[in-house]
Each structure stands twice: as structure tokens, then as C-alpha cells.
Amino acid sequence: MTNRFEAVIFDWAGTTVDYGCFAPVKAFQEAFKEFGVEPTMEETRKPMGMLKHDHINTMLHMNRIARAWEDAHGAAPTDADTDAVYAHFEPKLLSILDGFADPKPGVVDAVAALREAGLKIGSTTGYTDRMMEIVVPKAKENGYDPDFWISPDGTDGYGRPYPYMIFRNLEALHVTDVRRAAKVGDTLSDIREGKNAGVFTIGVTEGSSQMALSQAEFEALNDADKAAARAAARDAFVNAGADAVIDTMAELPALLAQLA
């Protein structure tokens, strides 16, 4: 298919599994509600793709949430408050993750086609090792099993947008040049991670956290609204510096072949 690329490095939730990236959203929102603050969907998704502790810290310092926290608790949010929300978030997420590990449409076939063409399959995530210990075997049962995965736990807690998880992939998969790897993700953090690592960076619109729709919600849209949702996600990825954007994973093998 192509001799330009040696490896494709995928994100997990919202990219290869968990259509719409709903597992962490549910857990984030429930954790904040326990502290008397109700974040909006937009606020919850804006930092998506980051290490989850960093995600909570970012949310706590958004202007509206910080004011709501101060109203509820009488003081501005602190690092200890980030830790406290995370302590509620993690068990909530761990309790539901095994139900959000189904591969998205087209993923299994696309990965098979890439492997057939001789490409290696890597992955990075905003989940922790403990979370991945649930997701990885469940995804494998469902047909998705990358050659390598790493969480921010493997890079001293430096998750996206730092490039270090991608660098670990390049090392483990023996990629000869950063330009011979592609990163595929569904959040702006994924795009920034890829840009910072110097790899070719691809956003995927349908089923993405950026689009923020479940499969049922997306499929219920009329054609014009589907096109508008895709276009909005595409524009966000392009503005973040994506080198290319696809709507579904089924398009990925052909895109990489064209770039050969």
C-alpha cells in the first residue's frame, strides 16, 4: 500500500473504541456533581485527551467552574481539590470501562488492512495503566489489539500534549524516522501531541469526542446535519494543525496509500 509510513499510532477512547468517548465524560460529570458543581458537556470535553488528573485540574480552573466551586465551597479550587475530585472520578470510571471497549465501526478492518500493508500499530491514551488493564483485554476480545500501548504512567505522568508517549511508540515499534509515523485521534489534544512529536497527524470526525454525539444520535441526524457536524469537527482539527482529517476509520488505509 505505502512505503512512506512504518507505523500508525492511535488514540483509544473516541478513536478506536467507545464511540463518542462517553465513559470519561460520564465519570467526570458525576464526580464534579458530588462536589456541588455541574459542568456542561462542552466544559467537560474541552480538555479531552489529557491525562485524567490534568483534565480535572484544567476543568477546575475554567472561569465558570472555578466561580461555581468558590460559591459551593467558599474558596477557590486548590491542588488538593483536584486530588479530591480525581479520587471520586477514578472509581466511577473503572466501574464502567469494560462496557466502553467495543471497537468503533471500521476499526478492526482498517487495522487489518494496515497490517496487511506491513504497518505496525501503536497507541497512546489519556487513561492510566489501571484503566488500560480493563480496556485493553476487553478490546482484544472484541477484535482490536494494537502492537503497543502506553499511558502517561509510562512517561512520568507527562501525558498529552507532551510528545513522550509517541516517542515511546516509535522506540518500541522501531520506527526509523518521526516522519514515517502517523498519529490518529479524536481530540485537539491528540492533534497537539502528534504535532509536538513531529509525526503526520490525522483527526477522525465521526464518533469523536470533538463531535460529542453517540452513534444513535449521529445516525438520527438528517444528511445536512450530519455534514454540518462533520464539518465543525473537521474545522477544529484543521485549526489545531491536523495534517489530514477523515470521517471514519474505513478511510484511513486509502488515505495513507494516497500519501505514499
C-alpha atoms as a PDB file:
ATOM      1  CA  MET A   1       0.000   0.000   0.000  1.00  0.00           C
ATOM      2  CA  THR A   2       2.649   2.527   1.009  1.00  0.00           C
ATOM      3  CA  ASN A   3       6.297   2.772   1.855  1.00  0.00           C
ATOM      4  CA  ARG A   4       6.071   6.238   3.368  1.00  0.00           C
ATOM      5  CA  PHE A   5       4.709   5.089   6.734  1.00  0.00           C
ATOM      6  CA  GLU A   6       6.010   2.363   9.015  1.00  0.00           C
ATOM      7  CA  ALA A   7       3.504   2.752  11.854  1.00  0.00           C
ATOM      8  CA  VAL A   8       0.145   4.241  12.795  1.00  0.00           C
ATOM      9  CA  ILE A   9      -0.330   5.343  16.405  1.00  0.00           C
ATOM     10  CA  PHE A  10      -3.952   5.508  17.511  1.00  0.00           C
ATOM     11  CA  ASP A  11      -5.690   7.104  20.449  1.00  0.00           C
ATOM     12  CA  TRP A  12      -8.141   4.862  22.317  1.00  0.00           C
ATOM     13  CA  ALA A  13     -11.497   6.239  23.582  1.00  0.00           C
ATOM     14  CA  GLY A  14     -13.346   8.115  20.840  1.00  0.00           C
ATOM     15  CA  THR A  15     -10.878   6.971  18.167  1.00  0.00           C
ATOM     16  CA  THR A  16     -10.689   3.178  18.174  1.00  0.00           C
ATOM     17  CA  VAL A  17     -13.169   2.283  20.962  1.00  0.00           C
ATOM     18  CA  ASP A  18     -16.046   3.990  22.836  1.00  0.00           C
ATOM     19  CA  TYR A  19     -17.935   5.812  20.066  1.00  0.00           C
ATOM     20  CA  GLY A  20     -18.345   9.430  21.179  1.00  0.00           C
ATOM     21  CA  CYS A  21     -15.910   8.981  24.087  1.00  0.00           C
ATOM     22  CA  PHE A  22     -18.654   8.739  26.702  1.00  0.00           C
ATOM     23  CA  ALA A  23     -17.081   6.710  29.519  1.00  0.00           C
ATOM     24  CA  PRO A  24     -14.827   9.504  30.842  1.00  0.00           C
ATOM     25  CA  VAL A  25     -17.486  12.178  30.245  1.00  0.00           C
ATOM     26  CA  LYS A  26     -19.978  10.356  32.455  1.00  0.00           C
ATOM     27  CA  ALA A  27     -17.389   9.824  35.182  1.00  0.00           C
ATOM     28  CA  PHE A  28     -16.129  13.437  35.102  1.00  0.00           C
ATOM     29  CA  GLN A  29     -19.633  14.880  35.338  1.00  0.00           C
ATOM     30  CA  GLU A  30     -20.698  12.569  38.155  1.00  0.00           C
ATOM     31  CA  ALA A  31     -17.521  13.294  40.134  1.00  0.00           C
ATOM     32  CA  PHE A  32     -17.995  17.069  39.907  1.00  0.00           C
ATOM     33  CA  LYS A  33     -21.676  16.782  40.859  1.00  0.00           C
ATOM     34  CA  GLU A  34     -20.621  15.141  44.118  1.00  0.00           C
ATOM     35  CA  PHE A  35     -18.872  18.410  44.966  1.00  0.00           C
ATOM     36  CA  GLY A  36     -21.870  20.566  44.087  1.00  0.00           C
ATOM     37  CA  VAL A  37     -20.670  21.672  40.657  1.00  0.00           C
ATOM     38  CA  GLU A  38     -22.346  20.659  37.382  1.00  0.00           C
ATOM     39  CA  PRO A  39     -20.052  21.086  34.374  1.00  0.00           C
ATOM     40  CA  THR A  40     -21.553  21.424  30.918  1.00  0.00           C
ATOM     41  CA  MET A  41     -20.824  18.912  28.155  1.00  0.00           C
ATOM     42  CA  GLU A  42     -18.628  21.491  26.401  1.00  0.00           C
ATOM     43  CA  GLU A  43     -16.622  22.211  29.564  1.00  0.00           C
ATOM     44  CA  THR A  44     -16.218  18.507  30.247  1.00  0.00           C
ATOM     45  CA  ARG A  45     -14.976  17.706  26.765  1.00  0.00           C
ATOM     46  CA  LYS A  46     -12.696  20.677  26.145  1.00  0.00           C
ATOM     47  CA  PRO A  47      -9.563  19.147  27.795  1.00  0.00           C
ATOM     48  CA  MET A  48     -10.352  15.632  26.485  1.00  0.00           C
ATOM     49  CA  GLY A  49      -7.318  13.544  25.645  1.00  0.00           C
ATOM     50  CA  MET A  50      -5.212  14.836  28.524  1.00  0.00           C
ATOM     51  CA  LEU A  51      -4.088  12.711  31.476  1.00  0.00           C
ATOM     52  CA  LYS A  52      -7.279  12.476  33.540  1.00  0.00           C
ATOM     53  CA  HIS A  53      -5.833  14.194  36.631  1.00  0.00           C
ATOM     54  CA  ASP A  54      -4.639  17.074  34.417  1.00  0.00           C
ATOM     55  CA  HIS A  55      -8.090  17.117  32.773  1.00  0.00           C
ATOM     56  CA  ILE A  56      -9.787  17.664  36.147  1.00  0.00           C
ATOM     57  CA  ASN A  57      -7.284  20.363  37.103  1.00  0.00           C
ATOM     58  CA  THR A  58      -7.934  22.144  33.787  1.00  0.00           C
ATOM     59  CA  MET A  59     -11.702  21.986  34.335  1.00  0.00           C
ATOM     60  CA  LEU A  60     -11.383  23.338  37.884  1.00  0.00           C
ATOM     61  CA  HIS A  61      -9.570  26.398  36.568  1.00  0.00           C
ATOM     62  CA  MET A  62     -12.125  27.234  33.868  1.00  0.00           C
ATOM     63  CA  ASN A  63     -13.656  30.571  34.853  1.00  0.00           C
ATOM     64  CA  ARG A  64     -17.253  29.434  35.308  1.00  0.00           C
ATOM     65  CA  ILE A  65     -16.372  26.211  37.126  1.00  0.00           C
ATOM     66  CA  ALA A  66     -13.875  27.987  39.386  1.00  0.00           C
ATOM     67  CA  ARG A  67     -16.575  30.513  40.356  1.00  0.00           C
ATOM     68  CA  ALA A  68     -19.114  27.729  40.923  1.00  0.00           C
ATOM     69  CA  TRP A  69     -16.583  25.869  43.076  1.00  0.00           C
ATOM     70  CA  GLU A  70     -15.916  29.010  45.138  1.00  0.00           C
ATOM     71  CA  ASP A  71     -19.657  29.559  45.559  1.00  0.00           C
ATOM     72  CA  ALA A  72     -20.101  25.976  46.757  1.00  0.00           C
ATOM     73  CA  HIS A  73     -17.005  25.709  48.952  1.00  0.00           C
ATOM     74  CA  GLY A  74     -16.136  29.259  49.996  1.00  0.00           C
ATOM     75  CA  ALA A  75     -12.665  29.209  48.444  1.00  0.00           C
ATOM     76  CA  ALA A  76     -11.019  28.960  45.041  1.00  0.00           C
ATOM     77  CA  PRO A  77     -10.117  25.418  43.919  1.00  0.00           C
ATOM     78  CA  THR A  78      -6.707  24.099  45.000  1.00  0.00           C
ATOM     79  CA  ASP A  79      -4.435  21.216  44.054  1.00  0.00           C
ATOM     80  CA  ALA A  80      -5.949  19.288  46.958  1.00  0.00           C
ATOM     81  CA  ASP A  81      -9.393  19.804  45.405  1.00  0.00           C
ATOM     82  CA  THR A  82      -8.117  18.381  42.101  1.00  0.00           C
ATOM     83  CA  ASP A  83      -6.941  15.320  44.027  1.00  0.00           C
ATOM     84  CA  ALA A  84     -10.304  15.057  45.802  1.00  0.00           C
ATOM     85  CA  VAL A  85     -12.339  15.170  42.574  1.00  0.00           C
ATOM     86  CA  TYR A  86      -9.974  12.665  40.965  1.00  0.00           C
ATOM     87  CA  ALA A  87     -10.426  10.327  43.937  1.00  0.00           C
ATOM     88  CA  HIS A  88     -14.157  10.259  43.112  1.00  0.00           C
ATOM     89  CA  PHE A  89     -13.628  10.159  39.345  1.00  0.00           C
ATOM     90  CA  GLU A  90     -11.306   7.164  39.117  1.00  0.00           C
ATOM     91  CA  PRO A  91     -13.516   4.525  40.779  1.00  0.00           C
ATOM     92  CA  LYS A  92     -16.520   5.748  38.779  1.00  0.00           C
ATOM     93  CA  LEU A  93     -14.612   5.317  35.527  1.00  0.00           C
ATOM     94  CA  LEU A  94     -13.104   1.959  36.500  1.00  0.00           C
ATOM     95  CA  SER A  95     -16.575   0.632  37.298  1.00  0.00           C
ATOM     96  CA  ILE A  96     -17.927   1.314  33.785  1.00  0.00           C
ATOM     97  CA  LEU A  97     -14.902   0.984  31.470  1.00  0.00           C
ATOM     98  CA  ASP A  98     -15.497  -2.620  30.442  1.00  0.00           C
ATOM     99  CA  GLY A  99     -18.765  -1.501  28.845  1.00  0.00           C
ATOM    100  CA  PHE A 100     -16.986   1.075  26.674  1.00  0.00           C
ATOM    101  CA  ALA A 101     -14.320  -1.031  24.949  1.00  0.00           C
ATOM    102  CA  ASP A 102     -16.146  -2.016  21.752  1.00  0.00           C
ATOM    103  CA  PRO A 103     -14.189  -1.043  18.615  1.00  0.00           C
ATOM    104  CA  LYS A 104     -15.766   1.755  16.598  1.00  0.00           C
ATOM    105  CA  PRO A 105     -17.150   0.939  13.135  1.00  0.00           C
ATOM    106  CA  GLY A 106     -14.411   0.216  10.605  1.00  0.00           C
ATOM    107  CA  VAL A 107     -11.573  -0.018  13.125  1.00  0.00           C
ATOM    108  CA  VAL A 108     -10.947  -3.771  13.024  1.00  0.00           C
ATOM    109  CA  ASP A 109     -10.976  -3.899   9.213  1.00  0.00           C
ATOM    110  CA  ALA A 110      -8.794  -0.792   8.888  1.00  0.00           C
ATOM    111  CA  VAL A 111      -6.185  -2.173  11.287  1.00  0.00           C
ATOM    112  CA  ALA A 112      -6.179  -5.485   9.403  1.00  0.00           C
ATOM    113  CA  ALA A 113      -5.591  -3.613   6.123  1.00  0.00           C
ATOM    114  CA  LEU A 114      -2.762  -1.567   7.625  1.00  0.00           C
ATOM    115  CA  ARG A 115      -1.079  -4.694   8.971  1.00  0.00           C
ATOM    116  CA  GLU A 116      -1.517  -6.395   5.619  1.00  0.00           C
ATOM    117  CA  ALA A 117       0.425  -3.478   4.139  1.00  0.00           C
ATOM    118  CA  GLY A 118       3.218  -4.017   6.655  1.00  0.00           C
ATOM    119  CA  LEU A 119       2.459  -1.200   9.093  1.00  0.00           C
ATOM    120  CA  LYS A 120       2.836  -1.562  12.851  1.00  0.00           C
ATOM    121  CA  ILE A 121       0.020  -0.447  15.155  1.00  0.00           C
ATOM    122  CA  GLY A 122       0.803   1.663  18.211  1.00  0.00           C
ATOM    123  CA  SER A 123      -1.357   3.627  20.645  1.00  0.00           C
ATOM    124  CA  THR A 124      -1.394   6.349  23.288  1.00  0.00           C
ATOM    125  CA  THR A 125      -4.112   7.306  25.762  1.00  0.00           C
ATOM    126  CA  GLY A 126      -5.227   9.708  28.450  1.00  0.00           C
ATOM    127  CA  TYR A 127      -6.188   6.726  30.611  1.00  0.00           C
ATOM    128  CA  THR A 128      -3.900   5.375  33.349  1.00  0.00           C
ATOM    129  CA  ASP A 129      -2.338   1.901  33.386  1.00  0.00           C
ATOM    130  CA  ARG A 130      -5.028   0.754  35.801  1.00  0.00           C
ATOM    131  CA  MET A 131      -7.752   1.863  33.426  1.00  0.00           C
ATOM    132  CA  MET A 132      -5.999   0.296  30.446  1.00  0.00           C
ATOM    133  CA  GLU A 133      -5.779  -3.025  32.282  1.00  0.00           C
ATOM    134  CA  ILE A 134      -9.574  -3.117  31.859  1.00  0.00           C
ATOM    135  CA  VAL A 135      -9.834  -1.639  28.358  1.00  0.00           C
ATOM    136  CA  VAL A 136      -7.008  -3.490  26.568  1.00  0.00           C
ATOM    137  CA  PRO A 137      -8.126  -7.100  27.176  1.00  0.00           C
ATOM    138  CA  LYS A 138     -11.779  -6.209  26.552  1.00  0.00           C
ATOM    139  CA  ALA A 139     -10.897  -4.527  23.248  1.00  0.00           C
ATOM    140  CA  LYS A 140      -8.809  -7.582  22.316  1.00  0.00           C
ATOM    141  CA  GLU A 141     -11.831  -9.827  22.965  1.00  0.00           C
ATOM    142  CA  ASN A 142     -13.743  -7.552  20.587  1.00  0.00           C
ATOM    143  CA  GLY A 143     -11.110  -7.736  17.826  1.00  0.00           C
ATOM    144  CA  TYR A 144      -8.802  -4.753  18.426  1.00  0.00           C
ATOM    145  CA  ASP A 145      -5.273  -5.482  19.670  1.00  0.00           C
ATOM    146  CA  PRO A 146      -2.523  -2.941  18.866  1.00  0.00           C
ATOM    147  CA  ASP A 147       1.129  -3.972  18.900  1.00  0.00           C
ATOM    148  CA  PHE A 148       1.949  -1.468  21.651  1.00  0.00           C
ATOM    149  CA  TRP A 149       0.170   0.799  24.106  1.00  0.00           C
ATOM    150  CA  ILE A 150       1.379   3.228  26.715  1.00  0.00           C
ATOM    151  CA  SER A 151      -0.333   5.560  29.172  1.00  0.00           C
ATOM    152  CA  PRO A 152       1.071   8.684  30.856  1.00  0.00           C
ATOM    153  CA  ASP A 153       2.101   6.371  33.711  1.00  0.00           C
ATOM    154  CA  GLY A 154       4.879   5.211  31.388  1.00  0.00           C
ATOM    155  CA  THR A 155       6.149   8.762  30.799  1.00  0.00           C
ATOM    156  CA  ASP A 156       6.388  10.014  34.401  1.00  0.00           C
ATOM    157  CA  GLY A 157       2.850  11.450  34.216  1.00  0.00           C
ATOM    158  CA  TYR A 158       3.605  13.653  31.211  1.00  0.00           C
ATOM    159  CA  GLY A 159       0.584  12.959  29.023  1.00  0.00           C
ATOM    160  CA  ARG A 160      -0.729  14.971  26.092  1.00  0.00           C
ATOM    161  CA  PRO A 161       0.118  17.409  24.647  1.00  0.00           C
ATOM    162  CA  TYR A 162       3.657  16.294  25.553  1.00  0.00           C
ATOM    163  CA  PRO A 163       5.087  14.062  22.794  1.00  0.00           C
ATOM    164  CA  TYR A 164       6.679  11.438  25.020  1.00  0.00           C
ATOM    165  CA  MET A 165       4.075   8.676  24.634  1.00  0.00           C
ATOM    166  CA  ILE A 166       4.508   8.883  20.866  1.00  0.00           C
ATOM    167  CA  PHE A 167       8.287   8.743  21.274  1.00  0.00           C
ATOM    168  CA  ARG A 168       7.908   5.523  23.334  1.00  0.00           C
ATOM    169  CA  ASN A 169       5.799   4.091  20.499  1.00  0.00           C
ATOM    170  CA  LEU A 170       8.409   4.992  17.909  1.00  0.00           C
ATOM    171  CA  GLU A 171      11.075   3.316  20.008  1.00  0.00           C
ATOM    172  CA  ALA A 172       9.068   0.162  20.751  1.00  0.00           C
ATOM    173  CA  LEU A 173       7.948  -0.235  17.126  1.00  0.00           C
ATOM    174  CA  HIS A 174      11.440   0.560  15.753  1.00  0.00           C
ATOM    175  CA  VAL A 175      10.245   3.391  13.514  1.00  0.00           C
ATOM    176  CA  THR A 176      13.208   4.852  11.652  1.00  0.00           C
ATOM    177  CA  ASP A 177      12.034   8.490  11.403  1.00  0.00           C
ATOM    178  CA  VAL A 178       9.264  10.519  13.061  1.00  0.00           C
ATOM    179  CA  ARG A 179       8.021  11.403   9.565  1.00  0.00           C
ATOM    180  CA  ARG A 180       7.320   7.712   8.918  1.00  0.00           C
ATOM    181  CA  ALA A 181       4.641   7.529  11.623  1.00  0.00           C
ATOM    182  CA  ALA A 182       1.060   8.829  11.664  1.00  0.00           C
ATOM    183  CA  LYS A 183      -0.957   9.698  14.772  1.00  0.00           C
ATOM    184  CA  VAL A 184      -4.751   9.312  14.596  1.00  0.00           C
ATOM    185  CA  GLY A 185      -7.007  10.853  17.250  1.00  0.00           C
ATOM    186  CA  ASP A 186     -10.392  12.362  18.029  1.00  0.00           C
ATOM    187  CA  THR A 187      -9.439  15.330  20.241  1.00  0.00           C
ATOM    188  CA  LEU A 188      -7.465  18.543  19.861  1.00  0.00           C
ATOM    189  CA  SER A 189      -5.047  17.149  22.486  1.00  0.00           C
ATOM    190  CA  ASP A 190      -4.348  14.241  20.123  1.00  0.00           C
ATOM    191  CA  ILE A 191      -3.517  16.639  17.300  1.00  0.00           C
ATOM    192  CA  ARG A 192      -1.238  18.713  19.528  1.00  0.00           C
ATOM    193  CA  GLU A 193       0.512  15.567  20.770  1.00  0.00           C
ATOM    194  CA  GLY A 194       1.167  14.487  17.189  1.00  0.00           C
ATOM    195  CA  LYS A 195       2.382  17.934  16.114  1.00  0.00           C
ATOM    196  CA  ASN A 196       4.723  18.149  19.104  1.00  0.00           C
ATOM    197  CA  ALA A 197       6.176  14.739  18.205  1.00  0.00           C
ATOM    198  CA  GLY A 198       6.731  15.693  14.550  1.00  0.00           C
ATOM    199  CA  VAL A 199       4.582  12.872  13.148  1.00  0.00           C
ATOM    200  CA  PHE A 200       1.874  13.107  10.463  1.00  0.00           C
ATOM    201  CA  THR A 201      -1.319  13.882  12.366  1.00  0.00           C
ATOM    202  CA  ILE A 202      -4.876  12.833  11.450  1.00  0.00           C
ATOM    203  CA  GLY A 203      -8.195  13.739  13.091  1.00  0.00           C
ATOM    204  CA  VAL A 204     -11.261  11.486  12.834  1.00  0.00           C
ATOM    205  CA  THR A 205     -14.686  13.156  12.994  1.00  0.00           C
ATOM    206  CA  GLU A 206     -17.434  10.529  13.408  1.00  0.00           C
ATOM    207  CA  GLY A 207     -17.658   9.085  16.897  1.00  0.00           C
ATOM    208  CA  SER A 208     -15.128  11.622  18.170  1.00  0.00           C
ATOM    209  CA  SER A 209     -15.153  13.448  21.474  1.00  0.00           C
ATOM    210  CA  GLN A 210     -14.878  16.601  19.363  1.00  0.00           C
ATOM    211  CA  MET A 211     -18.228  15.802  17.712  1.00  0.00           C
ATOM    212  CA  ALA A 212     -19.678  14.669  21.067  1.00  0.00           C
ATOM    213  CA  LEU A 213     -22.523  12.535  19.696  1.00  0.00           C
ATOM    214  CA  SER A 214     -23.386   8.916  20.399  1.00  0.00           C
ATOM    215  CA  GLN A 215     -23.735   6.583  17.413  1.00  0.00           C
ATOM    216  CA  ALA A 216     -27.519   6.621  17.800  1.00  0.00           C
ATOM    217  CA  GLU A 217     -27.576  10.442  17.993  1.00  0.00           C
ATOM    218  CA  PHE A 218     -25.392  10.803  14.904  1.00  0.00           C
ATOM    219  CA  GLU A 219     -27.342   8.252  12.870  1.00  0.00           C
ATOM    220  CA  ALA A 220     -30.608  10.008  13.757  1.00  0.00           C
ATOM    221  CA  LEU A 221     -29.443  13.235  12.115  1.00  0.00           C
ATOM    222  CA  ASN A 222     -30.547  14.120   8.591  1.00  0.00           C
ATOM    223  CA  ASP A 223     -27.865  14.304   5.912  1.00  0.00           C
ATOM    224  CA  ALA A 224     -27.435  18.076   6.173  1.00  0.00           C
ATOM    225  CA  ASP A 225     -26.947  17.945   9.960  1.00  0.00           C
ATOM    226  CA  LYS A 226     -24.509  15.054   9.637  1.00  0.00           C
ATOM    227  CA  ALA A 227     -22.489  17.062   7.142  1.00  0.00           C
ATOM    228  CA  ALA A 228     -22.536  20.093   9.442  1.00  0.00           C
ATOM    229  CA  ALA A 229     -21.364  18.018  12.423  1.00  0.00           C
ATOM    230  CA  ARG A 230     -18.531  16.528  10.381  1.00  0.00           C
ATOM    231  CA  ALA A 231     -17.526  19.969   9.063  1.00  0.00           C
ATOM    232  CA  ALA A 232     -17.430  21.519  12.540  1.00  0.00           C
ATOM    233  CA  ALA A 233     -15.176  18.734  13.850  1.00  0.00           C
ATOM    234  CA  ARG A 234     -13.024  18.900  10.718  1.00  0.00           C
ATOM    235  CA  ASP A 235     -12.527  22.665  11.095  1.00  0.00           C
ATOM    236  CA  ALA A 236     -11.490  22.261  14.739  1.00  0.00           C
ATOM    237  CA  PHE A 237      -8.895  19.629  13.835  1.00  0.00           C
ATOM    238  CA  VAL A 238      -7.523  21.688  10.945  1.00  0.00           C
ATOM    239  CA  ASN A 239      -7.295  24.767  13.153  1.00  0.00           C
ATOM    240  CA  ALA A 240      -5.330  22.704  15.698  1.00  0.00           C
ATOM    241  CA  GLY A 241      -2.840  21.817  12.958  1.00  0.00           C
ATOM    242  CA  ALA A 242      -4.016  18.408  11.722  1.00  0.00           C
ATOM    243  CA  ASP A 243      -2.284  17.310   8.525  1.00  0.00           C
ATOM    244  CA  ALA A 244      -5.404  15.417   7.408  1.00  0.00           C
ATOM    245  CA  VAL A 245      -8.931  14.648   8.601  1.00  0.00           C
ATOM    246  CA  ILE A 246     -11.041  11.549   7.938  1.00  0.00           C
ATOM    247  CA  ASP A 247     -14.686  10.955   8.786  1.00  0.00           C
ATOM    248  CA  THR A 248     -14.432   7.224   9.514  1.00  0.00           C
ATOM    249  CA  MET A 249     -11.640   4.745  10.111  1.00  0.00           C
ATOM    250  CA  ALA A 250     -12.595   2.968   6.887  1.00  0.00           C
ATOM    251  CA  GLU A 251     -10.993   5.899   5.019  1.00  0.00           C
ATOM    252  CA  LEU A 252      -7.595   5.555   6.708  1.00  0.00           C
ATOM    253  CA  PRO A 253      -5.903   2.844   4.580  1.00  0.00           C
ATOM    254  CA  ALA A 254      -6.773   4.667   1.344  1.00  0.00           C
ATOM    255  CA  LEU A 255      -5.562   7.996   2.752  1.00  0.00           C
ATOM    256  CA  LEU A 256      -2.191   6.537   3.719  1.00  0.00           C
ATOM    257  CA  ALA A 257      -1.926   4.844   0.304  1.00  0.00           C
ATOM    258  CA  GLN A 258      -2.504   8.205  -1.418  1.00  0.00           C
ATOM    259  CA  LEU A 259       0.271   9.756   0.659  1.00  0.00           C
ATOM    260  CA  ALA A 260       2.835   7.148  -0.401  1.00  0.00           C
END
